[in-house]
Amino acid sequence: MLRISKLTDYGTVILAALASQPEKARLTAGDVAERTRIGLPTVSKLLKSLQRGGLVTSTRGSSGGYQLARPATQITAAAILDALEGRLALTECSGQHSNCGIESTCGVGHAWQHVNHAIRRSLEDISLSQLAGFERVTMRGPDLKRGHEGPREVPLLRMRRTQE
């Protein structure tokens, strides 16, 4: 089953909380924990991973805290997964450094690599801004309710940006 970890889910919630702030505002780890209702030790651990992954920056001092390293529209779901779980690889041969012993004789590896790339492209098409509900998500594929193929907007409005 393909599923992100609970920590990655929490990491996305933390990023969404940071994205809801005015552009230059910073939040302390305690502020983030309070706003997201995620325990402070978990928030601190995830903020460090997100900082190592280049998604957040931190500033020390009395007016310090965490903020997004770039606009939420420029942070993709793929970047979030890369920072918290490592690069997506459905199978051994889908990864960047394959160590599969049967790769040369395998008949299904190419198809799994194609699936892996399709998922990766989809993850790169979704921004943190969309995940946080600040923008609509346009999905491609069959619209079963309308009975046709093509783009359709899917509202994901959950959080509101904090205004200055």
C-alpha atoms as a PDB file:
ATOM      1  CA  MET A   1       0.000   0.000   0.000  1.00  0.00           C
ATOM      2  CA  LEU A   2       1.294   3.461  -0.879  1.00  0.00           C
ATOM      3  CA  ARG A   3       0.978   5.715   2.128  1.00  0.00           C
ATOM      4  CA  ILE A   4       2.949   8.577   3.620  1.00  0.00           C
ATOM      5  CA  SER A   5       4.076   8.223   7.205  1.00  0.00           C
ATOM      6  CA  LYS A   6       2.367   9.986  10.086  1.00  0.00           C
ATOM      7  CA  LEU A   7       5.493  12.144  10.500  1.00  0.00           C
ATOM      8  CA  THR A   8       5.301  13.256   6.868  1.00  0.00           C
ATOM      9  CA  ASP A   9       1.625  14.057   7.342  1.00  0.00           C
ATOM     10  CA  TYR A  10       2.518  16.104  10.442  1.00  0.00           C
ATOM     11  CA  GLY A  11       5.358  17.763   8.541  1.00  0.00           C
ATOM     12  CA  THR A  12       2.897  18.893   5.884  1.00  0.00           C
ATOM     13  CA  VAL A  13       0.576  20.284   8.573  1.00  0.00           C
ATOM     14  CA  ILE A  14       3.534  22.188  10.057  1.00  0.00           C
ATOM     15  CA  LEU A  15       4.472  23.610   6.646  1.00  0.00           C
ATOM     16  CA  ALA A  16       0.857  24.641   6.065  1.00  0.00           C
ATOM     17  CA  ALA A  17       0.850  26.454   9.421  1.00  0.00           C
ATOM     18  CA  LEU A  18       4.017  28.329   8.420  1.00  0.00           C
ATOM     19  CA  ALA A  19       2.494  29.089   5.005  1.00  0.00           C
ATOM     20  CA  SER A  20      -0.558  30.646   6.669  1.00  0.00           C
ATOM     21  CA  GLN A  21       1.605  33.380   8.184  1.00  0.00           C
ATOM     22  CA  PRO A  22       2.339  36.769   6.602  1.00  0.00           C
ATOM     23  CA  GLU A  23       5.449  36.671   4.405  1.00  0.00           C
ATOM     24  CA  LYS A  24       8.162  37.765   6.863  1.00  0.00           C
ATOM     25  CA  ALA A  25       6.555  36.379  10.045  1.00  0.00           C
ATOM     26  CA  ARG A  26       8.325  33.688  12.036  1.00  0.00           C
ATOM     27  CA  LEU A  27       6.875  31.124  14.404  1.00  0.00           C
ATOM     28  CA  THR A  28       8.717  29.452  17.246  1.00  0.00           C
ATOM     29  CA  ALA A  29       8.532  25.676  17.559  1.00  0.00           C
ATOM     30  CA  GLY A  30       6.206  26.246  20.534  1.00  0.00           C
ATOM     31  CA  ASP A  31       3.921  28.453  18.434  1.00  0.00           C
ATOM     32  CA  VAL A  32       3.792  25.797  15.727  1.00  0.00           C
ATOM     33  CA  ALA A  33       3.037  23.075  18.285  1.00  0.00           C
ATOM     34  CA  GLU A  34       0.219  25.152  19.746  1.00  0.00           C
ATOM     35  CA  ARG A  35      -1.324  26.017  16.368  1.00  0.00           C
ATOM     36  CA  THR A  36      -1.112  22.501  14.970  1.00  0.00           C
ATOM     37  CA  ARG A  37      -1.790  20.596  18.219  1.00  0.00           C
ATOM     38  CA  ILE A  38       1.226  18.401  17.506  1.00  0.00           C
ATOM     39  CA  GLY A  39       3.562  17.701  20.448  1.00  0.00           C
ATOM     40  CA  LEU A  40       6.548  20.030  20.802  1.00  0.00           C
ATOM     41  CA  PRO A  41       9.176  17.236  20.593  1.00  0.00           C
ATOM     42  CA  THR A  42       7.658  16.038  17.298  1.00  0.00           C
ATOM     43  CA  VAL A  43       7.394  19.587  15.935  1.00  0.00           C
ATOM     44  CA  SER A  44      11.040  20.278  16.847  1.00  0.00           C
ATOM     45  CA  LYS A  45      12.214  17.052  15.201  1.00  0.00           C
ATOM     46  CA  LEU A  46      10.240  17.759  12.016  1.00  0.00           C
ATOM     47  CA  LEU A  47      11.335  21.400  11.807  1.00  0.00           C
ATOM     48  CA  LYS A  48      14.974  20.230  11.915  1.00  0.00           C
ATOM     49  CA  SER A  49      14.315  17.741   9.092  1.00  0.00           C
ATOM     50  CA  LEU A  50      12.473  20.389   7.061  1.00  0.00           C
ATOM     51  CA  GLN A  51      15.364  22.790   7.603  1.00  0.00           C
ATOM     52  CA  ARG A  52      17.902  20.160   6.470  1.00  0.00           C
ATOM     53  CA  GLY A  53      15.681  19.578   3.428  1.00  0.00           C
ATOM     54  CA  GLY A  54      15.793  23.288   2.551  1.00  0.00           C
ATOM     55  CA  LEU A  55      12.069  23.892   3.072  1.00  0.00           C
ATOM     56  CA  VAL A  56      12.261  26.105   6.166  1.00  0.00           C
ATOM     57  CA  THR A  57      14.788  28.534   7.593  1.00  0.00           C
ATOM     58  CA  SER A  58      15.372  29.376  11.222  1.00  0.00           C
ATOM     59  CA  THR A  59      16.515  32.531  12.928  1.00  0.00           C
ATOM     60  CA  ARG A  60      17.886  32.630  16.462  1.00  0.00           C
ATOM     61  CA  GLY A  61      17.217  35.306  18.997  1.00  0.00           C
ATOM     62  CA  SER A  62      14.302  37.055  20.651  1.00  0.00           C
ATOM     63  CA  SER A  63      12.503  37.638  17.339  1.00  0.00           C
ATOM     64  CA  GLY A  64      13.626  34.311  15.931  1.00  0.00           C
ATOM     65  CA  GLY A  65      11.679  31.325  14.778  1.00  0.00           C
ATOM     66  CA  TYR A  66      10.903  29.364  11.645  1.00  0.00           C
ATOM     67  CA  GLN A  67       9.543  30.423   8.281  1.00  0.00           C
ATOM     68  CA  LEU A  68       9.265  28.889   4.822  1.00  0.00           C
ATOM     69  CA  ALA A  69      12.490  29.008   2.814  1.00  0.00           C
ATOM     70  CA  ARG A  70      10.518  29.983  -0.302  1.00  0.00           C
ATOM     71  CA  PRO A  71       6.891  30.775  -1.150  1.00  0.00           C
ATOM     72  CA  ALA A  72       4.361  27.980  -0.593  1.00  0.00           C
ATOM     73  CA  THR A  73       3.615  28.017  -4.327  1.00  0.00           C
ATOM     74  CA  GLN A  74       7.224  26.928  -4.950  1.00  0.00           C
ATOM     75  CA  ILE A  75       7.323  24.033  -2.476  1.00  0.00           C
ATOM     76  CA  THR A  76       6.007  20.831  -4.029  1.00  0.00           C
ATOM     77  CA  ALA A  77       4.565  17.712  -2.458  1.00  0.00           C
ATOM     78  CA  ALA A  78       7.559  15.909  -3.985  1.00  0.00           C
ATOM     79  CA  ALA A  79       9.985  18.217  -2.137  1.00  0.00           C
ATOM     80  CA  ILE A  80       8.148  17.578   1.140  1.00  0.00           C
ATOM     81  CA  LEU A  81       8.344  13.802   0.678  1.00  0.00           C
ATOM     82  CA  ASP A  82      11.999  14.024  -0.361  1.00  0.00           C
ATOM     83  CA  ALA A  83      12.844  16.001   2.786  1.00  0.00           C
ATOM     84  CA  LEU A  84      10.972  13.749   5.199  1.00  0.00           C
ATOM     85  CA  GLU A  85      11.018  10.274   3.638  1.00  0.00           C
ATOM     86  CA  GLY A  86      13.651  10.331   0.921  1.00  0.00           C
ATOM     87  CA  ARG A  87      13.137  10.176  -2.819  1.00  0.00           C
ATOM     88  CA  LEU A  88      10.172   8.099  -3.998  1.00  0.00           C
ATOM     89  CA  ALA A  89      11.098   4.609  -5.222  1.00  0.00           C
ATOM     90  CA  LEU A  90       8.265   2.089  -5.530  1.00  0.00           C
ATOM     91  CA  THR A  91      10.632  -0.727  -6.406  1.00  0.00           C
ATOM     92  CA  GLU A  92      14.361  -1.290  -6.054  1.00  0.00           C
ATOM     93  CA  CYS A  93      14.926  -0.493  -9.730  1.00  0.00           C
ATOM     94  CA  SER A  94      12.878   2.735  -9.460  1.00  0.00           C
ATOM     95  CA  GLY A  95      15.434   4.377  -7.192  1.00  0.00           C
ATOM     96  CA  GLN A  96      18.386   6.469  -8.247  1.00  0.00           C
ATOM     97  CA  HIS A  97      20.923   3.823  -7.182  1.00  0.00           C
ATOM     98  CA  SER A  98      19.450   0.451  -8.095  1.00  0.00           C
ATOM     99  CA  ASN A  99      20.887  -2.659  -6.490  1.00  0.00           C
ATOM    100  CA  CYS A 100      18.404  -5.146  -7.883  1.00  0.00           C
ATOM    101  CA  GLY A 101      19.984  -8.515  -8.587  1.00  0.00           C
ATOM    102  CA  ILE A 102      17.501  -9.474 -11.322  1.00  0.00           C
ATOM    103  CA  GLU A 103      17.223  -6.111 -13.101  1.00  0.00           C
ATOM    104  CA  SER A 104      18.895  -7.406 -16.274  1.00  0.00           C
ATOM    105  CA  THR A 105      16.382 -10.247 -16.688  1.00  0.00           C
ATOM    106  CA  CYS A 106      13.292  -8.652 -15.135  1.00  0.00           C
ATOM    107  CA  GLY A 107      10.293  -8.163 -17.383  1.00  0.00           C
ATOM    108  CA  VAL A 108       8.310  -5.798 -15.154  1.00  0.00           C
ATOM    109  CA  GLY A 109      10.890  -3.258 -13.977  1.00  0.00           C
ATOM    110  CA  HIS A 110      10.352  -0.852 -16.863  1.00  0.00           C
ATOM    111  CA  ALA A 111       6.608  -0.690 -16.198  1.00  0.00           C
ATOM    112  CA  TRP A 112       7.179  -0.009 -12.475  1.00  0.00           C
ATOM    113  CA  GLN A 113       9.662   2.727 -13.369  1.00  0.00           C
ATOM    114  CA  HIS A 114       6.970   4.307 -15.571  1.00  0.00           C
ATOM    115  CA  VAL A 115       4.489   4.191 -12.657  1.00  0.00           C
ATOM    116  CA  ASN A 116       7.123   5.681 -10.344  1.00  0.00           C
ATOM    117  CA  HIS A 117       7.750   8.586 -12.760  1.00  0.00           C
ATOM    118  CA  ALA A 118       4.008   9.233 -13.158  1.00  0.00           C
ATOM    119  CA  ILE A 119       3.561   9.457  -9.390  1.00  0.00           C
ATOM    120  CA  ARG A 120       6.626  11.706  -9.119  1.00  0.00           C
ATOM    121  CA  ARG A 121       5.240  14.062 -11.789  1.00  0.00           C
ATOM    122  CA  SER A 122       1.922  14.236  -9.952  1.00  0.00           C
ATOM    123  CA  LEU A 123       3.679  15.063  -6.684  1.00  0.00           C
ATOM    124  CA  GLU A 124       5.661  17.790  -8.454  1.00  0.00           C
ATOM    125  CA  ASP A 125       2.423  19.289  -9.799  1.00  0.00           C
ATOM    126  CA  ILE A 126       0.947  19.891  -6.318  1.00  0.00           C
ATOM    127  CA  SER A 127       2.252  22.820  -4.281  1.00  0.00           C
ATOM    128  CA  LEU A 128       2.187  23.394  -0.554  1.00  0.00           C
ATOM    129  CA  SER A 129      -0.175  26.268  -1.293  1.00  0.00           C
ATOM    130  CA  GLN A 130      -2.599  23.771  -2.827  1.00  0.00           C
ATOM    131  CA  LEU A 131      -2.090  21.224  -0.044  1.00  0.00           C
ATOM    132  CA  ALA A 132      -2.829  23.947   2.522  1.00  0.00           C
ATOM    133  CA  GLY A 133      -6.023  24.884   0.680  1.00  0.00           C
ATOM    134  CA  PHE A 134      -4.921  28.375  -0.393  1.00  0.00           C
ATOM    135  CA  GLU A 135      -5.298  27.481  -4.102  1.00  0.00           C
ATOM    136  CA  ARG A 136      -7.558  25.138  -6.001  1.00  0.00           C
ATOM    137  CA  VAL A 137      -6.144  21.882  -7.302  1.00  0.00           C
ATOM    138  CA  THR A 138      -6.721  21.064 -10.956  1.00  0.00           C
ATOM    139  CA  MET A 139      -6.760  17.329 -11.551  1.00  0.00           C
ATOM    140  CA  ARG A 140      -6.546  15.548 -14.877  1.00  0.00           C
ATOM    141  CA  GLY A 141      -8.357  12.340 -15.576  1.00  0.00           C
ATOM    142  CA  PRO A 142     -11.880  11.013 -15.750  1.00  0.00           C
ATOM    143  CA  ASP A 143     -14.596  12.948 -13.997  1.00  0.00           C
ATOM    144  CA  LEU A 144     -16.871  10.078 -13.103  1.00  0.00           C
ATOM    145  CA  LYS A 145     -19.734  12.342 -12.033  1.00  0.00           C
ATOM    146  CA  ARG A 146     -19.767  14.222 -15.337  1.00  0.00           C
ATOM    147  CA  GLY A 147     -18.758  11.303 -17.532  1.00  0.00           C
ATOM    148  CA  HIS A 148     -15.898  13.008 -19.412  1.00  0.00           C
ATOM    149  CA  GLU A 149     -12.117  13.202 -19.448  1.00  0.00           C
ATOM    150  CA  GLY A 150     -10.184  16.396 -18.826  1.00  0.00           C
ATOM    151  CA  PRO A 151      -9.096  18.912 -16.238  1.00  0.00           C
ATOM    152  CA  ARG A 152     -11.405  19.752 -13.387  1.00  0.00           C
ATOM    153  CA  GLU A 153     -11.003  21.885 -10.309  1.00  0.00           C
ATOM    154  CA  VAL A 154     -11.141  20.226  -6.944  1.00  0.00           C
ATOM    155  CA  PRO A 155     -11.589  22.579  -4.008  1.00  0.00           C
ATOM    156  CA  LEU A 156      -9.367  21.850  -1.023  1.00  0.00           C
ATOM    157  CA  LEU A 157     -10.171  24.823   1.164  1.00  0.00           C
ATOM    158  CA  ARG A 158      -9.235  24.015   4.739  1.00  0.00           C
ATOM    159  CA  MET A 159      -6.941  26.691   6.151  1.00  0.00           C
ATOM    160  CA  ARG A 160      -7.061  30.447   5.895  1.00  0.00           C
ATOM    161  CA  ARG A 161      -4.020  32.685   5.711  1.00  0.00           C
ATOM    162  CA  THR A 162      -3.420  34.901   8.674  1.00  0.00           C
ATOM    163  CA  GLN A 163      -3.603  38.543   7.625  1.00  0.00           C
ATOM    164  CA  GLU A 164      -1.220  41.191   8.976  1.00  0.00           C
END
